[in-house]
C-alpha atoms as a PDB file:
ATOM      1  CA  MET A   1      -0.022   0.041  -0.073  1.00  0.00           C
ATOM      2  CA  LYS A   2       1.319   3.482  -0.976  1.00  0.00           C
ATOM      3  CA  ASN A   3       1.354   6.528   1.245  1.00  0.00           C
ATOM      4  CA  ILE A   4       0.085   9.812   0.090  1.00  0.00           C
ATOM      5  CA  THR A   5       0.064  13.448   1.296  1.00  0.00           C
ATOM      6  CA  LEU A   6      -3.188  15.439   1.157  1.00  0.00           C
ATOM      7  CA  ALA A   7      -3.662  19.139   1.787  1.00  0.00           C
ATOM      8  CA  MET A   8      -6.886  19.817   3.759  1.00  0.00           C
ATOM      9  CA  ASP A   9      -8.642  22.763   5.396  1.00  0.00           C
ATOM     10  CA  GLU A  10      -8.194  22.509   9.288  1.00  0.00           C
ATOM     11  CA  LYS A  11     -11.930  22.599   9.805  1.00  0.00           C
ATOM     12  CA  VAL A  12     -12.566  19.812   7.309  1.00  0.00           C
ATOM     13  CA  LEU A  13      -9.688  17.754   8.841  1.00  0.00           C
ATOM     14  CA  LYS A  14     -11.105  18.260  12.443  1.00  0.00           C
ATOM     15  CA  ALA A  15     -14.667  17.370  11.338  1.00  0.00           C
ATOM     16  CA  GLY A  16     -13.361  14.277   9.519  1.00  0.00           C
ATOM     17  CA  ARG A  17     -11.403  13.083  12.483  1.00  0.00           C
ATOM     18  CA  GLU A  18     -14.509  13.515  14.710  1.00  0.00           C
ATOM     19  CA  TYR A  19     -16.685  11.683  12.248  1.00  0.00           C
ATOM     20  CA  ALA A  20     -14.163   8.764  12.102  1.00  0.00           C
ATOM     21  CA  ARG A  21     -13.915   8.709  15.962  1.00  0.00           C
ATOM     22  CA  LYS A  22     -17.662   8.556  16.319  1.00  0.00           C
ATOM     23  CA  HIS A  23     -17.701   5.558  13.827  1.00  0.00           C
ATOM     24  CA  ASN A  24     -14.919   3.732  15.479  1.00  0.00           C
ATOM     25  CA  VAL A  25     -12.532   3.966  12.422  1.00  0.00           C
ATOM     26  CA  SER A  26      -9.338   5.838  11.912  1.00  0.00           C
ATOM     27  CA  PHE A  27      -9.335   8.942   9.771  1.00  0.00           C
ATOM     28  CA  ASN A  28      -7.093   7.022   7.374  1.00  0.00           C
ATOM     29  CA  VAL A  29      -9.644   4.154   6.977  1.00  0.00           C
ATOM     30  CA  LEU A  30     -12.408   6.878   6.548  1.00  0.00           C
ATOM     31  CA  VAL A  31     -10.559   8.647   3.655  1.00  0.00           C
ATOM     32  CA  ARG A  32      -9.620   5.305   2.064  1.00  0.00           C
ATOM     33  CA  LYS A  33     -13.220   3.897   2.156  1.00  0.00           C
ATOM     34  CA  LEU A  34     -14.649   7.228   0.700  1.00  0.00           C
ATOM     35  CA  ILE A  35     -12.102   7.136  -2.186  1.00  0.00           C
ATOM     36  CA  GLU A  36     -12.762   3.466  -2.764  1.00  0.00           C
ATOM     37  CA  GLN A  37     -16.471   4.157  -2.929  1.00  0.00           C
ATOM     38  CA  THR A  38     -16.002   7.008  -5.265  1.00  0.00           C
ATOM     39  CA  VAL A  39     -13.638   5.225  -7.844  1.00  0.00           C
ATOM     40  CA  ILE A  40     -14.791   1.584  -7.742  1.00  0.00           C
ATOM     41  CA  SER A  41     -18.084   0.767  -9.491  1.00  0.00           C
ATOM     42  CA  SER A  42     -20.945   0.298  -7.144  1.00  0.00           C
ATOM     43  CA  LYS A  43     -21.587  -3.298  -8.518  1.00  0.00           C
ATOM     44  CA  GLU A  44     -18.085  -4.361  -7.455  1.00  0.00           C
ATOM     45  CA  GLN A  45     -18.328  -2.722  -4.090  1.00  0.00           C
ATOM     46  CA  TRP A  46     -21.729  -4.136  -3.442  1.00  0.00           C
ATOM     47  CA  LEU A  47     -20.380  -7.605  -4.050  1.00  0.00           C
ATOM     48  CA  GLU A  48     -17.452  -7.198  -1.713  1.00  0.00           C
ATOM     49  CA  ASP A  49     -19.623  -5.667   1.021  1.00  0.00           C
ATOM     50  CA  THR A  50     -22.077  -8.531   0.754  1.00  0.00           C
ATOM     51  CA  PHE A  51     -19.387 -11.105   1.196  1.00  0.00           C
ATOM     52  CA  ALA A  52     -17.862  -9.168   4.122  1.00  0.00           C
ATOM     53  CA  LEU A  53     -21.185  -9.192   5.841  1.00  0.00           C
ATOM     54  CA  MET A  54     -21.729 -12.850   5.229  1.00  0.00           C
ATOM     55  CA  ASP A  55     -18.231 -13.625   6.691  1.00  0.00           C
ATOM     56  CA  LYS A  56     -19.227 -11.658   9.871  1.00  0.00           C
ATOM     57  CA  LEU A  57     -22.415 -13.803  10.463  1.00  0.00           C
ATOM     58  CA  ASP A  58     -22.189 -16.435  13.123  1.00  0.00           C
ATOM     59  CA  ILE A  59     -24.315 -19.073  11.381  1.00  0.00           C
ATOM     60  CA  SER A  60     -23.635 -22.336   9.734  1.00  0.00           C
ATOM     61  CA  SER A  61     -25.609 -24.396   7.162  1.00  0.00           C
ATOM     62  CA  GLU A  62     -23.646 -27.590   8.036  1.00  0.00           C
ATOM     63  CA  ASN A  63     -25.767 -30.761   7.828  1.00  0.00           C
ATOM     64  CA  GLN A  64     -28.589 -28.766   6.291  1.00  0.00           C
ATOM     65  CA  LYS A  65     -30.232 -30.337   3.386  1.00  0.00           C
ATOM     66  CA  TRP A  66     -31.623 -27.853   0.868  1.00  0.00           C
ATOM     67  CA  THR A  67     -34.261 -28.511  -1.869  1.00  0.00           C
ATOM     68  CA  ARG A  68     -34.676 -26.496  -4.940  1.00  0.00           C
ATOM     69  CA  GLU A  69     -38.030 -25.284  -3.414  1.00  0.00           C
ATOM     70  CA  ASP A  70     -36.147 -24.060  -0.328  1.00  0.00           C
ATOM     71  CA  LEU A  71     -33.653 -22.106  -2.402  1.00  0.00           C
ATOM     72  CA  TYR A  72     -36.331 -20.317  -4.242  1.00  0.00           C
ATOM     73  CA  ARG A  73     -38.641 -19.567  -1.478  1.00  0.00           C
ATOM     74  CA  VAL A  74     -38.703 -16.042  -0.394  1.00  0.00           C
END
C-alpha cells in the first residue's frame, strides 16, 4: 500500500477526525473507504460488501439439506 500526502482545510480535517472517531474507525480508513466508494463501481463494491457481511455472520448451514424449493422460497 502506498502512502500519500493530502492538503486539507483545518476545519474539514477536524470534522473528519471527529466523524471517524464516532464511527470507530481511523481517519485514514475513513478517507480510504470514501475514495474506494468513489472510484470503484458500485456493483463491484456491493459484492465485496455483501461477502464481508456474510463472513461476519455467526451461522452455519452444516448438515442442512436444501431442496430446490427451499432455495427459491422468499
